[in-house]
Amino acid sequence: MSQPTSRQSLKDYALRRLGAPVIDINVDDSQIEDCLDDALQFFAEYHYDGVQLRFHKHQVTETDKTNGYLDMDAIDSRVVSVIRAFEISTHTTNMFDVSYQLALNDFYGTFTPGSLTNYTITKQHLSTIQQILDPEKRLRFSRVENKLYIDMDWTNDIDAGQYIIVECYSALDPQTYTEIYNDRLLKKYLTSLIKKQWGNNLIKFEGVQLPGGVQFNGGRILDEAKEEIDKIEEQVHDMYELPPDFYTG
């Protein structure tokens, strides 16, 4: 019971942390569901354990060429950010290709002392030439549209049938990877979000005196929850957030 493995068990855990069932937590289940969705969204966007680096292979279609973008919903609907895209031709490398000739001529020579240095320098030089003549294409991606725009001439630069490898970060599905529900920070974050909602509900009755002289102190609960949330978010940003990728579209 102490290790949540589902949405319901995580909600029950958070409520117990707030004092249930000894104390009546004045929060509706629909509000708890909203808090849980917010907590999972924050976890996926900012915690490195909430995403996974993936490579998706997509074969270009005539529809892609007409649109001028890739529909990421058809590739992976849980993509958080796109790092880069690689084009892979379906044509076989011919014998006059520079890389092919370099590998063919230097294959046996790479086993002699010092030859690997020359081979590495030559490959770096060819890579520099490639970047000058055919630089890496810029990407533009928005999670709202979920469309990957590649700044190139879709009519001439790529053919239908060629493959594009998309390197991206995808949010993990908690229903599949149930260990997410037992993450220490996620449990604390959800508890604080529910506590904040509890304070918001009670603050409307601030100053109302109940039988026996009891009064609701929603303001204090709300202030404590806000402070806890700020500390958790700061900790996640400082210790668990992936470094920004300046090539992300």
Protein backbone atom coordinates (compact mmCIF):
# COMPACT_ATOMS: atom_id res chain seq x y z
CA MET A 1 0.00 0.00 0.00
CA SER A 2 2.91 2.36 0.69
CA GLN A 3 4.23 2.04 -2.87
CA PRO A 4 1.68 3.42 -5.36
CA THR A 5 1.43 1.55 -8.67
CA SER A 6 -1.67 3.23 -10.16
CA ARG A 7 -3.51 6.54 -10.27
CA GLN A 8 -5.89 5.49 -7.51
CA SER A 9 -3.20 4.18 -5.18
CA LEU A 10 -1.20 7.40 -5.68
CA LYS A 11 -4.26 9.51 -4.85
CA ASP A 12 -4.90 7.41 -1.75
CA TYR A 13 -1.26 7.82 -0.69
CA ALA A 14 -1.42 11.61 -1.03
CA LEU A 15 -4.66 11.81 0.95
CA ARG A 16 -3.17 9.69 3.74
CA ARG A 17 -0.17 12.03 3.85
CA LEU A 18 -2.61 14.91 4.42
CA GLY A 19 -4.31 13.13 7.29
CA ALA A 20 -7.10 11.02 5.77
CA PRO A 21 -9.06 9.18 6.98
CA VAL A 22 -8.48 10.70 10.43
CA ILE A 23 -9.06 14.19 9.00
CA ASP A 24 -11.69 15.00 6.41
CA ILE A 25 -9.88 16.39 3.35
CA ASN A 26 -12.34 18.82 1.76
CA VAL A 27 -11.33 18.17 -1.84
CA ASP A 28 -13.56 16.59 -4.49
CA ASP A 29 -12.26 13.58 -6.41
CA SER A 30 -12.47 15.50 -9.70
CA GLN A 31 -10.19 18.16 -8.19
CA ILE A 32 -7.75 15.44 -7.10
CA GLU A 33 -7.77 14.07 -10.65
CA ASP A 34 -6.89 17.53 -11.96
CA CYS A 35 -4.04 17.79 -9.45
CA LEU A 36 -2.73 14.38 -10.50
CA ASP A 37 -2.84 15.33 -14.19
CA ASP A 38 -0.92 18.53 -13.40
CA ALA A 39 1.66 16.61 -11.38
CA LEU A 40 2.21 14.03 -14.14
CA GLN A 41 2.51 16.79 -16.74
CA PHE A 42 5.13 18.60 -14.66
CA PHE A 43 6.99 15.31 -14.12
CA ALA A 44 7.06 14.56 -17.85
CA GLU A 45 8.17 18.07 -18.83
CA TYR A 46 10.91 18.66 -16.28
CA HIS A 47 12.07 15.36 -14.73
CA TYR A 48 14.56 13.29 -16.71
CA ASP A 49 12.89 10.09 -15.47
CA GLY A 50 9.64 11.20 -17.09
CA VAL A 51 10.99 11.07 -20.65
CA GLN A 52 13.03 8.71 -22.80
CA LEU A 53 15.38 9.38 -25.70
CA ARG A 54 13.99 7.61 -28.75
CA PHE A 55 14.73 7.22 -32.46
CA HIS A 56 11.74 6.89 -34.77
CA LYS A 57 12.04 5.71 -38.37
CA HIS A 58 9.57 7.31 -40.78
CA GLN A 59 9.26 6.65 -44.49
CA VAL A 60 8.50 9.85 -46.37
CA THR A 61 5.21 9.89 -48.28
CA GLU A 62 3.83 12.14 -50.97
CA THR A 63 1.52 13.61 -48.32
CA ASP A 64 4.56 14.63 -46.26
CA LYS A 65 6.11 16.32 -49.29
CA THR A 66 2.88 18.17 -50.04
CA ASN A 67 2.43 19.27 -46.42
CA GLY A 68 6.05 20.25 -45.92
CA TYR A 69 6.17 18.73 -42.45
CA LEU A 70 5.95 15.43 -40.60
CA ASP A 71 2.82 14.68 -38.59
CA MET A 72 4.30 13.59 -35.25
CA ASP A 73 0.90 12.32 -34.06
CA ALA A 74 1.30 9.50 -36.57
CA ILE A 75 4.87 8.81 -35.42
CA ASP A 76 4.74 9.36 -31.64
CA SER A 77 1.99 11.42 -30.01
CA ARG A 78 3.94 11.73 -26.71
CA VAL A 79 6.93 13.64 -28.14
CA VAL A 80 8.11 16.38 -25.81
CA SER A 81 10.99 17.80 -27.86
CA VAL A 82 12.79 17.01 -31.12
CA ILE A 83 16.58 17.11 -31.21
CA ARG A 84 17.48 16.36 -34.83
CA ALA A 85 16.44 14.46 -37.94
CA PHE A 86 18.62 12.24 -40.14
CA GLU A 87 17.92 11.51 -43.78
CA ILE A 88 18.64 7.98 -44.98
CA SER A 89 18.58 7.30 -48.68
CA THR A 90 17.18 4.06 -50.04
CA HIS A 91 19.82 4.10 -52.80
CA THR A 92 22.97 2.01 -52.46
CA THR A 93 26.23 3.92 -52.11
CA ASN A 94 28.07 3.77 -55.44
CA MET A 95 31.76 3.02 -55.90
CA PHE A 96 32.56 6.65 -56.80
CA ASP A 97 31.35 7.96 -53.42
CA VAL A 98 34.17 9.73 -51.56
CA SER A 99 33.49 7.95 -48.26
CA TYR A 100 33.38 4.60 -50.04
CA GLN A 101 36.71 5.20 -51.79
CA LEU A 102 38.31 6.42 -48.56
CA ALA A 103 37.22 3.34 -46.67
CA LEU A 104 38.24 1.05 -49.55
CA ASN A 105 41.72 2.51 -49.97
CA ASP A 106 42.52 2.94 -46.30
CA PHE A 107 40.98 -0.22 -44.91
CA TYR A 108 44.16 -2.24 -44.79
CA GLY A 109 46.31 0.75 -43.90
CA THR A 110 44.36 1.51 -40.75
CA PHE A 111 46.10 -1.36 -39.00
CA THR A 112 49.53 0.25 -39.25
CA PRO A 113 50.82 2.56 -36.47
CA GLY A 114 49.69 6.18 -36.88
CA SER A 115 47.30 5.42 -39.73
CA LEU A 116 44.21 5.80 -37.57
CA THR A 117 45.21 9.39 -36.86
CA ASN A 118 45.34 10.24 -40.56
CA TYR A 119 42.08 8.42 -41.17
CA THR A 120 40.36 10.32 -38.35
CA ILE A 121 41.64 13.71 -39.56
CA THR A 122 40.49 12.94 -43.11
CA LYS A 123 37.02 11.94 -41.90
CA GLN A 124 36.77 15.15 -39.87
CA HIS A 125 37.77 17.14 -42.94
CA LEU A 126 35.12 15.44 -45.03
CA SER A 127 32.57 16.14 -42.30
CA THR A 128 33.52 19.83 -42.35
CA ILE A 129 33.06 19.95 -46.12
CA GLN A 130 29.70 18.24 -45.72
CA GLN A 131 28.60 20.84 -43.15
CA ILE A 132 29.64 23.69 -45.48
CA LEU A 133 28.07 22.35 -48.67
CA ASP A 134 25.08 20.61 -47.10
CA PRO A 135 24.60 21.86 -43.52
CA GLU A 136 22.30 20.20 -41.03
CA LYS A 137 18.77 21.34 -41.66
CA ARG A 138 16.98 23.48 -39.12
CA LEU A 139 13.97 22.04 -37.32
CA ARG A 140 10.83 23.66 -35.97
CA PHE A 141 8.58 21.76 -33.61
CA SER A 142 5.71 22.72 -31.33
CA ARG A 143 3.96 20.33 -28.97
CA VAL A 144 0.72 22.22 -29.56
CA GLU A 145 0.71 21.50 -33.29
CA ASN A 146 2.76 18.29 -32.96
CA LYS A 147 4.15 18.91 -36.44
CA LEU A 148 7.84 18.66 -37.29
CA TYR A 149 8.90 21.25 -39.87
CA ILE A 150 12.25 20.59 -41.58
CA ASP A 151 13.58 23.64 -43.38
CA MET A 152 14.37 22.18 -46.78
CA ASP A 153 12.98 22.00 -50.29
CA TRP A 154 10.58 19.10 -49.89
CA THR A 155 10.12 18.93 -53.67
CA ASN A 156 13.77 18.40 -54.63
CA ASP A 157 15.74 17.58 -51.46
CA ILE A 158 13.98 14.34 -50.59
CA ASP A 159 12.05 11.64 -52.41
CA ALA A 160 9.01 9.67 -51.36
CA GLY A 161 10.21 6.34 -50.01
CA GLN A 162 13.30 7.73 -48.31
CA TYR A 163 13.57 7.41 -44.56
CA ILE A 164 13.93 10.11 -41.92
CA ILE A 165 15.18 9.15 -38.47
CA VAL A 166 13.77 11.49 -35.82
CA GLU A 167 15.73 11.78 -32.57
CA CYS A 168 13.43 13.02 -29.84
CA TYR A 169 12.39 12.85 -26.21
CA SER A 170 9.04 11.19 -25.54
CA ALA A 171 7.04 11.30 -22.33
CA LEU A 172 6.69 7.91 -20.68
CA ASP A 173 3.19 6.56 -20.23
CA PRO A 174 2.52 6.02 -16.49
CA GLN A 175 -0.03 3.32 -17.32
CA THR A 176 2.79 1.30 -18.89
CA TYR A 177 5.67 2.35 -16.65
CA THR A 178 3.90 2.23 -13.29
CA GLU A 179 7.14 2.94 -11.39
CA ILE A 180 6.45 6.60 -12.14
CA TYR A 181 3.63 6.60 -9.60
CA ASN A 182 6.12 5.69 -6.87
CA ASP A 183 8.59 8.48 -7.64
CA ARG A 184 9.47 10.28 -4.42
CA LEU A 185 9.17 13.81 -5.79
CA LEU A 186 5.99 13.06 -7.70
CA LYS A 187 4.33 11.81 -4.50
CA LYS A 188 5.41 14.92 -2.61
CA TYR A 189 4.36 17.20 -5.46
CA LEU A 190 0.89 15.67 -5.77
CA THR A 191 0.39 15.87 -2.01
CA SER A 192 1.25 19.57 -2.04
CA LEU A 193 -1.03 20.24 -5.03
CA ILE A 194 -3.96 18.58 -3.26
CA LYS A 195 -3.09 20.53 -0.12
CA LYS A 196 -3.15 23.75 -2.15
CA GLN A 197 -6.57 22.87 -3.56
CA TRP A 198 -7.74 22.04 -0.04
CA GLY A 199 -6.60 25.46 1.15
CA ASN A 200 -8.34 27.16 -1.78
CA ASN A 201 -11.58 25.38 -0.89
CA LEU A 202 -11.39 26.26 2.80
CA ILE A 203 -10.33 29.88 2.39
CA LYS A 204 -13.83 30.68 1.16
CA PHE A 205 -15.04 29.93 4.68
CA GLU A 206 -12.33 31.99 6.38
CA GLY A 207 -13.71 33.61 9.51
CA VAL A 208 -16.84 31.45 9.65
CA GLN A 209 -17.22 30.06 13.16
CA LEU A 210 -18.47 26.51 13.48
CA PRO A 211 -20.25 25.01 16.52
CA GLY A 212 -17.83 24.75 19.42
CA GLY A 213 -15.84 27.81 18.28
CA VAL A 214 -13.91 25.96 15.58
CA GLN A 215 -12.80 28.01 12.56
CA PHE A 216 -11.35 26.95 9.22
CA ASN A 217 -7.77 28.09 8.61
CA GLY A 218 -7.62 27.71 4.86
CA GLY A 219 -5.17 30.58 4.46
CA ARG A 220 -2.47 28.83 6.46
CA ILE A 221 -2.95 25.55 4.59
CA LEU A 222 -2.75 27.43 1.30
CA ASP A 223 0.43 29.30 2.25
CA GLU A 224 2.12 26.10 3.43
CA ALA A 225 1.20 24.31 0.20
CA LYS A 226 2.52 27.14 -1.98
CA GLU A 227 5.82 27.11 -0.13
CA GLU A 228 6.13 23.34 -0.49
CA ILE A 229 5.33 23.50 -4.22
CA ASP A 230 7.92 26.21 -4.83
CA LYS A 231 10.61 24.16 -3.05
CA ILE A 232 9.79 20.99 -4.99
CA GLU A 233 9.75 22.77 -8.35
CA GLU A 234 13.05 24.48 -7.57
CA GLN A 235 14.60 21.15 -6.60
CA VAL A 236 13.39 19.52 -9.83
CA HIS A 237 14.73 22.37 -11.97
CA ASP A 238 18.11 22.32 -10.20
CA MET A 239 18.69 18.57 -9.92
CA TYR A 240 16.44 16.60 -12.30
CA GLU A 241 15.78 18.77 -15.35
CA LEU A 242 17.56 17.88 -18.59
CA PRO A 243 19.92 20.56 -19.93
CA PRO A 244 18.42 22.72 -22.69
CA ASP A 245 19.19 21.65 -26.24
CA PHE A 246 19.78 24.72 -28.40
CA TYR A 247 19.15 22.75 -31.59
CA THR A 248 15.65 21.76 -30.55
CA GLY A 249 13.09 23.04 -33.00
